[in-house]
């Protein structure tokens, strides 16, 4: 991504992430490692982590942060639904197209974390996943209800871009919008 030829792509990614403010957005690779995040994502996940201290292992990785018992999962009120959708998507991506052994290893790792239901280990990856899976975070008396979309910029001819995904979180209600704006204002103040 640092190559001069990809400057336009970096600019496009930065524009998409900035446009999403004050709502979270991040760029991840096919192994679910977070490569870039907008200010709102860094702010929101720091808010979740600071509540109890996130001790997820390894580098910033969506699967690890969501599944680890000391990650953000304790704040996700519909964690079972979200976990199932993530496992289905990660399995389908790890075995479809180009086999991604690293993503499969990370998925195996997180499925072994304490408190992860054993039925997720044997789930059929071919079962369709709903295109919109709400995720409901709760911290103290604040609730954040989001749904997310995933976008890719890549083409089959460009492996670097094909492996990147942009996940944008959208508020599902006015309460979430207000809390996101309040978090943004607290950064400015």
C-alpha atoms as a PDB file:
ATOM      1  CA  UNK A   1       0.000   0.000   0.000  1.00  0.00           C
ATOM      2  CA  UNK A   2       2.997   2.330   0.326  1.00  0.00           C
ATOM      3  CA  UNK A   3       3.854   2.033  -3.372  1.00  0.00           C
ATOM      4  CA  UNK A   4       3.616   5.330  -5.286  1.00  0.00           C
ATOM      5  CA  UNK A   5       1.311   3.656  -7.825  1.00  0.00           C
ATOM      6  CA  UNK A   6      -1.275   3.148  -5.062  1.00  0.00           C
ATOM      7  CA  UNK A   7      -1.377   6.809  -3.953  1.00  0.00           C
ATOM      8  CA  UNK A   8      -4.823   7.245  -5.533  1.00  0.00           C
ATOM      9  CA  UNK A   9      -6.082   4.172  -3.676  1.00  0.00           C
ATOM     10  CA  UNK A  10      -4.710   5.457  -0.356  1.00  0.00           C
ATOM     11  CA  UNK A  11      -6.460   8.751  -1.063  1.00  0.00           C
ATOM     12  CA  UNK A  12      -9.733   6.964  -1.816  1.00  0.00           C
ATOM     13  CA  UNK A  13      -9.491   4.919   1.397  1.00  0.00           C
ATOM     14  CA  UNK A  14      -8.761   8.027   3.465  1.00  0.00           C
ATOM     15  CA  UNK A  15     -11.717   9.829   1.859  1.00  0.00           C
ATOM     16  CA  UNK A  16     -14.097   6.957   2.596  1.00  0.00           C
ATOM     17  CA  UNK A  17     -12.922   6.702   6.211  1.00  0.00           C
ATOM     18  CA  UNK A  18     -13.130  10.478   6.747  1.00  0.00           C
ATOM     19  CA  UNK A  19     -16.591  10.670   5.154  1.00  0.00           C
ATOM     20  CA  UNK A  20     -17.857   8.099   7.661  1.00  0.00           C
ATOM     21  CA  UNK A  21     -17.130  10.380  10.663  1.00  0.00           C
ATOM     22  CA  UNK A  22     -18.397  10.473  13.407  1.00  0.00           C
ATOM     23  CA  UNK A  23     -19.217   6.804  12.876  1.00  0.00           C
ATOM     24  CA  UNK A  24     -16.593   4.035  12.904  1.00  0.00           C
ATOM     25  CA  UNK A  25     -14.950   2.704   9.763  1.00  0.00           C
ATOM     26  CA  UNK A  26     -11.882   0.552   9.291  1.00  0.00           C
ATOM     27  CA  UNK A  27      -9.799  -1.132   6.630  1.00  0.00           C
ATOM     28  CA  UNK A  28      -8.853  -4.758   7.214  1.00  0.00           C
ATOM     29  CA  UNK A  29      -7.009  -7.375   5.204  1.00  0.00           C
ATOM     30  CA  UNK A  30      -8.210 -10.872   4.374  1.00  0.00           C
ATOM     31  CA  UNK A  31      -6.803 -12.187   7.673  1.00  0.00           C
ATOM     32  CA  UNK A  32      -8.997  -9.648   9.503  1.00  0.00           C
ATOM     33  CA  UNK A  33      -6.017  -7.564  10.651  1.00  0.00           C
ATOM     34  CA  UNK A  34      -6.934  -3.898  10.998  1.00  0.00           C
ATOM     35  CA  UNK A  35      -4.734  -1.885   8.621  1.00  0.00           C
ATOM     36  CA  UNK A  36      -6.292   1.538   9.079  1.00  0.00           C
ATOM     37  CA  UNK A  37      -9.173   3.058  11.029  1.00  0.00           C
ATOM     38  CA  UNK A  38     -10.864   6.423  11.060  1.00  0.00           C
ATOM     39  CA  UNK A  39     -10.806   8.638  14.130  1.00  0.00           C
ATOM     40  CA  UNK A  40     -14.324   7.536  15.107  1.00  0.00           C
ATOM     41  CA  UNK A  41     -13.312   3.845  15.136  1.00  0.00           C
ATOM     42  CA  UNK A  42     -10.222   4.534  17.220  1.00  0.00           C
ATOM     43  CA  UNK A  43     -12.308   6.680  19.585  1.00  0.00           C
ATOM     44  CA  UNK A  44     -15.185   4.177  19.883  1.00  0.00           C
ATOM     45  CA  UNK A  45     -13.029   1.100  20.429  1.00  0.00           C
ATOM     46  CA  UNK A  46     -10.817   2.991  22.904  1.00  0.00           C
ATOM     47  CA  UNK A  47     -14.033   3.923  24.744  1.00  0.00           C
ATOM     48  CA  UNK A  48     -15.012   0.230  24.891  1.00  0.00           C
ATOM     49  CA  UNK A  49     -11.514  -0.901  25.856  1.00  0.00           C
ATOM     50  CA  UNK A  50     -11.030   1.762  28.513  1.00  0.00           C
ATOM     51  CA  UNK A  51     -14.187   0.649  30.267  1.00  0.00           C
ATOM     52  CA  UNK A  52     -12.548  -2.607  31.426  1.00  0.00           C
ATOM     53  CA  UNK A  53      -9.204  -2.740  29.638  1.00  0.00           C
ATOM     54  CA  UNK A  54      -8.973  -4.743  26.416  1.00  0.00           C
ATOM     55  CA  UNK A  55      -6.383  -7.485  26.743  1.00  0.00           C
ATOM     56  CA  UNK A  56      -6.985  -9.140  23.372  1.00  0.00           C
ATOM     57  CA  UNK A  57      -3.874 -11.007  22.202  1.00  0.00           C
ATOM     58  CA  UNK A  58      -1.753 -10.077  19.218  1.00  0.00           C
ATOM     59  CA  UNK A  59      -2.050  -7.231  16.739  1.00  0.00           C
ATOM     60  CA  UNK A  60      -5.320  -5.425  16.090  1.00  0.00           C
ATOM     61  CA  UNK A  61      -7.503  -8.093  14.522  1.00  0.00           C
ATOM     62  CA  UNK A  62     -11.300  -7.952  14.241  1.00  0.00           C
ATOM     63  CA  UNK A  63     -11.813 -11.634  15.061  1.00  0.00           C
ATOM     64  CA  UNK A  64      -9.501 -11.617  18.074  1.00  0.00           C
ATOM     65  CA  UNK A  65     -11.020  -8.430  19.462  1.00  0.00           C
ATOM     66  CA  UNK A  66     -14.562  -9.726  19.006  1.00  0.00           C
ATOM     67  CA  UNK A  67     -14.036 -13.253  20.369  1.00  0.00           C
ATOM     68  CA  UNK A  68     -11.451 -12.825  23.130  1.00  0.00           C
ATOM     69  CA  UNK A  69     -13.134 -12.837  26.564  1.00  0.00           C
ATOM     70  CA  UNK A  70     -11.172  -9.698  27.496  1.00  0.00           C
ATOM     71  CA  UNK A  71     -11.894  -7.982  24.168  1.00  0.00           C
ATOM     72  CA  UNK A  72     -15.019  -6.065  23.148  1.00  0.00           C
ATOM     73  CA  UNK A  73     -17.357  -9.056  23.216  1.00  0.00           C
ATOM     74  CA  UNK A  74     -18.456  -8.325  26.808  1.00  0.00           C
ATOM     75  CA  UNK A  75     -20.003  -5.097  25.470  1.00  0.00           C
ATOM     76  CA  UNK A  76     -21.874  -6.793  22.585  1.00  0.00           C
ATOM     77  CA  UNK A  77     -25.397  -7.554  23.774  1.00  0.00           C
ATOM     78  CA  UNK A  78     -26.255  -9.748  20.769  1.00  0.00           C
ATOM     79  CA  UNK A  79     -22.863 -11.455  20.740  1.00  0.00           C
ATOM     80  CA  UNK A  80     -24.184 -14.940  19.825  1.00  0.00           C
ATOM     81  CA  UNK A  81     -25.831 -13.605  16.664  1.00  0.00           C
ATOM     82  CA  UNK A  82     -22.808 -11.482  15.711  1.00  0.00           C
ATOM     83  CA  UNK A  83     -20.346 -14.323  16.460  1.00  0.00           C
ATOM     84  CA  UNK A  84     -22.258 -16.752  14.261  1.00  0.00           C
ATOM     85  CA  UNK A  85     -22.380 -14.278  11.359  1.00  0.00           C
ATOM     86  CA  UNK A  86     -18.645 -13.530  11.713  1.00  0.00           C
ATOM     87  CA  UNK A  87     -17.711 -17.219  11.793  1.00  0.00           C
ATOM     88  CA  UNK A  88     -19.791 -17.958   8.707  1.00  0.00           C
ATOM     89  CA  UNK A  89     -18.241 -15.035   6.839  1.00  0.00           C
ATOM     90  CA  UNK A  90     -14.669 -15.802   7.979  1.00  0.00           C
ATOM     91  CA  UNK A  91     -14.999 -19.491   7.062  1.00  0.00           C
ATOM     92  CA  UNK A  92     -16.441 -18.718   3.665  1.00  0.00           C
ATOM     93  CA  UNK A  93     -13.656 -16.210   2.972  1.00  0.00           C
ATOM     94  CA  UNK A  94     -10.890 -18.495   4.312  1.00  0.00           C
ATOM     95  CA  UNK A  95     -11.906 -21.417   2.102  1.00  0.00           C
ATOM     96  CA  UNK A  96     -13.313 -19.588  -0.919  1.00  0.00           C
ATOM     97  CA  UNK A  97     -11.314 -18.261  -3.827  1.00  0.00           C
ATOM     98  CA  UNK A  98      -7.742 -18.193  -2.529  1.00  0.00           C
ATOM     99  CA  UNK A  99      -7.224 -20.470   0.462  1.00  0.00           C
ATOM    100  CA  UNK A 100      -6.198 -18.271   3.399  1.00  0.00           C
ATOM    101  CA  UNK A 101      -4.431 -20.473   5.914  1.00  0.00           C
ATOM    102  CA  UNK A 102      -3.598 -17.566   8.237  1.00  0.00           C
ATOM    103  CA  UNK A 103      -7.236 -16.486   8.470  1.00  0.00           C
ATOM    104  CA  UNK A 104      -8.210 -20.103   9.122  1.00  0.00           C
ATOM    105  CA  UNK A 105      -5.597 -20.337  11.930  1.00  0.00           C
ATOM    106  CA  UNK A 106      -6.894 -17.131  13.528  1.00  0.00           C
ATOM    107  CA  UNK A 107     -10.454 -18.416  13.256  1.00  0.00           C
ATOM    108  CA  UNK A 108      -9.438 -21.728  14.884  1.00  0.00           C
ATOM    109  CA  UNK A 109      -7.670 -19.764  17.634  1.00  0.00           C
ATOM    110  CA  UNK A 110     -10.634 -17.540  18.472  1.00  0.00           C
ATOM    111  CA  UNK A 111     -13.074 -20.448  18.391  1.00  0.00           C
ATOM    112  CA  UNK A 112     -10.978 -21.995  21.183  1.00  0.00           C
ATOM    113  CA  UNK A 113     -11.336 -18.961  23.475  1.00  0.00           C
ATOM    114  CA  UNK A 114     -13.250 -19.508  26.734  1.00  0.00           C
ATOM    115  CA  UNK A 115     -16.964 -18.942  26.426  1.00  0.00           C
ATOM    116  CA  UNK A 116     -17.161 -19.439  22.658  1.00  0.00           C
ATOM    117  CA  UNK A 117     -19.959 -21.942  21.934  1.00  0.00           C
ATOM    118  CA  UNK A 118     -18.632 -25.229  20.564  1.00  0.00           C
ATOM    119  CA  UNK A 119     -21.298 -25.345  17.825  1.00  0.00           C
ATOM    120  CA  UNK A 120     -19.484 -22.472  16.067  1.00  0.00           C
ATOM    121  CA  UNK A 121     -16.526 -24.821  15.418  1.00  0.00           C
ATOM    122  CA  UNK A 122     -18.599 -27.120  13.209  1.00  0.00           C
ATOM    123  CA  UNK A 123     -20.866 -24.591  11.554  1.00  0.00           C
ATOM    124  CA  UNK A 124     -21.612 -25.062   7.850  1.00  0.00           C
ATOM    125  CA  UNK A 125     -19.992 -22.164   5.980  1.00  0.00           C
ATOM    126  CA  UNK A 126     -22.279 -22.582   2.978  1.00  0.00           C
ATOM    127  CA  UNK A 127     -25.394 -21.450   4.856  1.00  0.00           C
ATOM    128  CA  UNK A 128     -26.266 -17.922   3.686  1.00  0.00           C
ATOM    129  CA  UNK A 129     -25.620 -15.019   6.043  1.00  0.00           C
ATOM    130  CA  UNK A 130     -28.014 -12.123   6.311  1.00  0.00           C
ATOM    131  CA  UNK A 131     -26.541  -9.107   4.491  1.00  0.00           C
ATOM    132  CA  UNK A 132     -27.226  -6.869   7.503  1.00  0.00           C
ATOM    133  CA  UNK A 133     -26.349  -8.062  10.992  1.00  0.00           C
ATOM    134  CA  UNK A 134     -27.028  -5.514  13.702  1.00  0.00           C
ATOM    135  CA  UNK A 135     -24.459  -5.225  16.464  1.00  0.00           C
ATOM    136  CA  UNK A 136     -25.575  -3.818  19.787  1.00  0.00           C
ATOM    137  CA  UNK A 137     -22.884  -2.467  22.100  1.00  0.00           C
ATOM    138  CA  UNK A 138     -23.656  -1.434  25.649  1.00  0.00           C
ATOM    139  CA  UNK A 139     -21.325   0.374  28.027  1.00  0.00           C
ATOM    140  CA  UNK A 140     -22.815   1.560  31.293  1.00  0.00           C
ATOM    141  CA  UNK A 141     -25.965   3.462  30.413  1.00  0.00           C
ATOM    142  CA  UNK A 142     -24.914   4.054  26.793  1.00  0.00           C
ATOM    143  CA  UNK A 143     -26.112   1.849  23.975  1.00  0.00           C
ATOM    144  CA  UNK A 144     -24.759   1.892  20.434  1.00  0.00           C
ATOM    145  CA  UNK A 145     -26.761   0.009  17.792  1.00  0.00           C
ATOM    146  CA  UNK A 146     -24.920  -0.283  14.479  1.00  0.00           C
ATOM    147  CA  UNK A 147     -25.106  -2.266  11.280  1.00  0.00           C
ATOM    148  CA  UNK A 148     -22.131  -2.426   8.982  1.00  0.00           C
ATOM    149  CA  UNK A 149     -21.389  -2.726   5.303  1.00  0.00           C
ATOM    150  CA  UNK A 150     -18.244  -4.166   3.773  1.00  0.00           C
ATOM    151  CA  UNK A 151     -16.794  -2.721   0.581  1.00  0.00           C
ATOM    152  CA  UNK A 152     -13.858  -3.825  -1.534  1.00  0.00           C
ATOM    153  CA  UNK A 153     -11.931  -1.737  -4.046  1.00  0.00           C
ATOM    154  CA  UNK A 154     -10.023  -4.599  -5.597  1.00  0.00           C
ATOM    155  CA  UNK A 155     -10.213  -6.341  -8.872  1.00  0.00           C
ATOM    156  CA  UNK A 156      -9.067  -9.877  -9.631  1.00  0.00           C
ATOM    157  CA  UNK A 157      -6.009  -8.365 -11.332  1.00  0.00           C
ATOM    158  CA  UNK A 158      -4.844  -6.506  -8.212  1.00  0.00           C
ATOM    159  CA  UNK A 159      -4.097  -8.839  -5.310  1.00  0.00           C
ATOM    160  CA  UNK A 160      -3.214  -6.037  -2.870  1.00  0.00           C
ATOM    161  CA  UNK A 161      -6.558  -4.315  -3.310  1.00  0.00           C
ATOM    162  CA  UNK A 162      -8.531  -7.535  -3.553  1.00  0.00           C
ATOM    163  CA  UNK A 163      -7.398  -8.439  -0.029  1.00  0.00           C
ATOM    164  CA  UNK A 164      -8.560  -5.167   1.554  1.00  0.00           C
ATOM    165  CA  UNK A 165     -12.037  -4.604   2.944  1.00  0.00           C
ATOM    166  CA  UNK A 166     -13.577  -1.400   4.226  1.00  0.00           C
ATOM    167  CA  UNK A 167     -16.119  -1.881   6.993  1.00  0.00           C
ATOM    168  CA  UNK A 168     -18.338   1.110   7.741  1.00  0.00           C
ATOM    169  CA  UNK A 169     -20.637   1.196  10.753  1.00  0.00           C
ATOM    170  CA  UNK A 170     -23.978   2.996  10.448  1.00  0.00           C
ATOM    171  CA  UNK A 171     -26.221   4.021  13.355  1.00  0.00           C
ATOM    172  CA  UNK A 172     -29.523   2.199  13.591  1.00  0.00           C
ATOM    173  CA  UNK A 173     -31.253   4.851  15.702  1.00  0.00           C
ATOM    174  CA  UNK A 174     -31.080   8.437  16.959  1.00  0.00           C
ATOM    175  CA  UNK A 175     -29.684   7.334  20.340  1.00  0.00           C
ATOM    176  CA  UNK A 176     -26.611   5.843  18.639  1.00  0.00           C
ATOM    177  CA  UNK A 177     -26.221   8.947  16.470  1.00  0.00           C
ATOM    178  CA  UNK A 178     -26.338  11.156  19.569  1.00  0.00           C
ATOM    179  CA  UNK A 179     -23.813   9.014  21.475  1.00  0.00           C
ATOM    180  CA  UNK A 180     -21.414   8.967  18.501  1.00  0.00           C
ATOM    181  CA  UNK A 181     -21.631  12.753  18.175  1.00  0.00           C
ATOM    182  CA  UNK A 182     -21.101  13.122  21.947  1.00  0.00           C
ATOM    183  CA  UNK A 183     -17.956  10.972  21.804  1.00  0.00           C
ATOM    184  CA  UNK A 184     -16.669  13.119  18.925  1.00  0.00           C
ATOM    185  CA  UNK A 185     -17.400  16.304  20.852  1.00  0.00           C
ATOM    186  CA  UNK A 186     -15.600  14.974  23.932  1.00  0.00           C
ATOM    187  CA  UNK A 187     -12.466  14.590  21.773  1.00  0.00           C
ATOM    188  CA  UNK A 188     -12.724  18.199  20.640  1.00  0.00           C
ATOM    189  CA  UNK A 189     -13.358  19.572  24.133  1.00  0.00           C
END
